N, C-alpha and C. Protein backbone atom coordinates (compact mmCIF):
# COMPACT_ATOMS: atom_id res chain seq x y z
N UNK A 1 18.78 -1.72 -16.52
CA UNK A 1 18.16 -1.12 -15.37
C UNK A 1 16.82 -1.77 -15.07
N UNK A 2 16.78 -3.05 -15.14
CA UNK A 2 15.55 -3.76 -14.83
C UNK A 2 15.34 -3.73 -13.32
N UNK A 3 14.13 -3.40 -12.90
CA UNK A 3 13.81 -3.39 -11.48
C UNK A 3 13.93 -2.04 -10.82
N UNK A 4 14.44 -1.05 -11.54
CA UNK A 4 14.57 0.29 -10.97
C UNK A 4 13.54 1.21 -11.62
N UNK A 5 12.69 1.80 -10.80
CA UNK A 5 11.68 2.71 -11.30
C UNK A 5 12.06 4.14 -10.95
N UNK A 6 12.13 4.97 -11.96
CA UNK A 6 12.39 6.39 -11.75
C UNK A 6 11.09 7.16 -11.75
N UNK A 7 11.20 8.45 -11.64
CA UNK A 7 10.02 9.32 -11.61
C UNK A 7 9.21 9.22 -12.91
N UNK A 8 9.83 9.23 -14.08
CA UNK A 8 9.01 9.12 -15.31
C UNK A 8 8.21 7.82 -15.40
N UNK A 9 8.81 6.72 -14.99
CA UNK A 9 8.11 5.44 -15.03
C UNK A 9 6.93 5.41 -14.07
N UNK A 10 7.13 5.96 -12.86
CA UNK A 10 6.05 5.99 -11.87
C UNK A 10 4.90 6.87 -12.36
N UNK A 11 5.23 8.00 -13.00
CA UNK A 11 4.18 8.88 -13.53
C UNK A 11 3.39 8.20 -14.64
N UNK A 12 4.05 7.43 -15.48
CA UNK A 12 3.35 6.70 -16.55
C UNK A 12 2.43 5.65 -15.95
N UNK A 13 2.90 4.94 -14.95
CA UNK A 13 2.07 3.92 -14.29
C UNK A 13 0.85 4.56 -13.64
N UNK A 14 1.04 5.69 -12.96
CA UNK A 14 -0.08 6.39 -12.33
C UNK A 14 -1.07 6.90 -13.37
N UNK A 15 -0.58 7.39 -14.50
CA UNK A 15 -1.48 7.89 -15.56
C UNK A 15 -2.30 6.75 -16.14
N UNK A 16 -1.69 5.61 -16.36
CA UNK A 16 -2.42 4.45 -16.89
C UNK A 16 -3.45 3.97 -15.87
N UNK A 17 -3.08 3.92 -14.60
CA UNK A 17 -4.03 3.51 -13.57
C UNK A 17 -5.20 4.49 -13.49
N UNK A 18 -4.92 5.76 -13.65
CA UNK A 18 -5.99 6.76 -13.63
C UNK A 18 -6.93 6.58 -14.81
N UNK A 19 -6.40 6.26 -15.97
CA UNK A 19 -7.24 6.03 -17.14
C UNK A 19 -8.08 4.76 -17.00
N UNK A 20 -7.51 3.73 -16.40
CA UNK A 20 -8.22 2.45 -16.27
C UNK A 20 -9.29 2.52 -15.19
N UNK A 21 -8.94 3.00 -14.02
CA UNK A 21 -9.84 2.95 -12.88
C UNK A 21 -10.69 4.21 -12.70
N UNK A 22 -10.21 5.35 -13.16
CA UNK A 22 -10.93 6.60 -12.94
C UNK A 22 -10.56 7.19 -11.60
N UNK A 23 -10.82 8.49 -11.42
CA UNK A 23 -10.37 9.17 -10.20
C UNK A 23 -11.03 8.66 -8.92
N UNK A 24 -12.33 8.40 -8.95
CA UNK A 24 -13.01 7.98 -7.71
C UNK A 24 -12.60 6.58 -7.31
N UNK A 25 -12.51 5.69 -8.26
CA UNK A 25 -12.11 4.31 -7.95
C UNK A 25 -10.65 4.27 -7.48
N UNK A 26 -9.82 5.12 -8.06
CA UNK A 26 -8.42 5.16 -7.66
C UNK A 26 -8.28 5.68 -6.24
N UNK A 27 -9.12 6.65 -5.85
CA UNK A 27 -9.10 7.16 -4.47
C UNK A 27 -9.54 6.07 -3.50
N UNK A 28 -10.57 5.32 -3.85
CA UNK A 28 -11.02 4.22 -3.00
C UNK A 28 -9.94 3.14 -2.87
N UNK A 29 -9.25 2.89 -3.97
CA UNK A 29 -8.18 1.90 -3.96
C UNK A 29 -7.05 2.33 -3.05
N UNK A 30 -6.68 3.61 -3.09
CA UNK A 30 -5.63 4.14 -2.21
C UNK A 30 -6.04 4.09 -0.76
N UNK A 31 -7.30 4.40 -0.48
CA UNK A 31 -7.80 4.36 0.89
C UNK A 31 -7.75 2.93 1.43
N UNK A 32 -8.18 1.98 0.62
CA UNK A 32 -8.15 0.58 1.04
C UNK A 32 -6.73 0.08 1.26
N UNK A 33 -5.82 0.52 0.41
CA UNK A 33 -4.42 0.13 0.56
C UNK A 33 -3.83 0.70 1.85
N UNK A 34 -4.16 1.95 2.15
CA UNK A 34 -3.68 2.58 3.39
C UNK A 34 -4.22 1.88 4.62
N UNK A 35 -5.52 1.53 4.60
CA UNK A 35 -6.10 0.81 5.74
C UNK A 35 -5.47 -0.57 5.90
N UNK A 36 -5.18 -1.22 4.78
CA UNK A 36 -4.54 -2.54 4.84
C UNK A 36 -3.16 -2.47 5.46
N UNK A 37 -2.39 -1.46 5.09
CA UNK A 37 -1.05 -1.29 5.64
C UNK A 37 -1.14 -0.98 7.14
N UNK A 38 -2.11 -0.14 7.51
CA UNK A 38 -2.29 0.20 8.93
C UNK A 38 -2.64 -1.04 9.75
N UNK A 39 -3.56 -1.87 9.23
CA UNK A 39 -3.94 -3.09 9.93
C UNK A 39 -2.78 -4.08 10.02
N UNK A 40 -1.99 -4.15 8.96
CA UNK A 40 -0.84 -5.05 8.96
C UNK A 40 0.18 -4.62 10.02
N UNK A 41 0.44 -3.31 10.09
CA UNK A 41 1.41 -2.82 11.08
C UNK A 41 0.92 -3.08 12.50
N UNK A 42 -0.38 -2.89 12.73
CA UNK A 42 -0.89 -3.13 14.08
C UNK A 42 -0.86 -4.61 14.42
N UNK A 43 -1.08 -5.47 13.44
CA UNK A 43 -1.02 -6.91 13.68
C UNK A 43 0.40 -7.34 13.98
N UNK A 44 1.36 -6.78 13.27
CA UNK A 44 2.76 -7.11 13.54
C UNK A 44 3.16 -6.62 14.93
N UNK A 45 2.70 -5.42 15.29
CA UNK A 45 3.01 -4.88 16.61
C UNK A 45 2.40 -5.74 17.71
N UNK A 46 1.14 -6.17 17.53
CA UNK A 46 0.49 -7.04 18.51
C UNK A 46 1.16 -8.39 18.57
N UNK A 47 1.62 -8.88 17.42
CA UNK A 47 2.31 -10.17 17.37
C UNK A 47 3.63 -10.14 18.11
N UNK A 48 4.33 -9.02 18.05
CA UNK A 48 5.60 -8.89 18.76
C UNK A 48 5.38 -8.85 20.27
N UNK A 49 4.28 -8.28 20.73
CA UNK A 49 4.02 -8.17 22.15
C UNK A 49 3.36 -9.42 22.73
N UNK A 50 2.75 -10.23 21.90
CA UNK A 50 2.01 -11.40 22.36
C UNK A 50 2.84 -12.40 23.14
N UNK A 51 3.96 -12.90 22.61
CA UNK A 51 4.75 -13.90 23.35
C UNK A 51 5.33 -13.36 24.66
N UNK A 52 5.59 -12.07 24.72
CA UNK A 52 6.16 -11.50 25.95
C UNK A 52 5.13 -11.53 27.08
N UNK A 53 3.88 -11.35 26.76
CA UNK A 53 2.83 -11.36 27.77
C UNK A 53 2.59 -12.76 28.32
N UNK A 54 2.75 -13.77 27.47
CA UNK A 54 2.49 -15.16 27.88
C UNK A 54 3.62 -15.70 28.74
N UNK A 55 4.84 -15.25 28.55
CA UNK A 55 6.00 -15.81 29.26
C UNK A 55 6.04 -15.41 30.70
């Protein structure tokens, strides 16, 4: 079962990340990741509309 993560594995990874980074740093990391995903989605959306406007 290599490559498949279940609930227990995800909880262990989150617990280790919490121990390494601490709660405040982990919250900042999640916020940054969310903003990055949002910016990526908007860039992809703008990229899809760009060629249509030029044609």
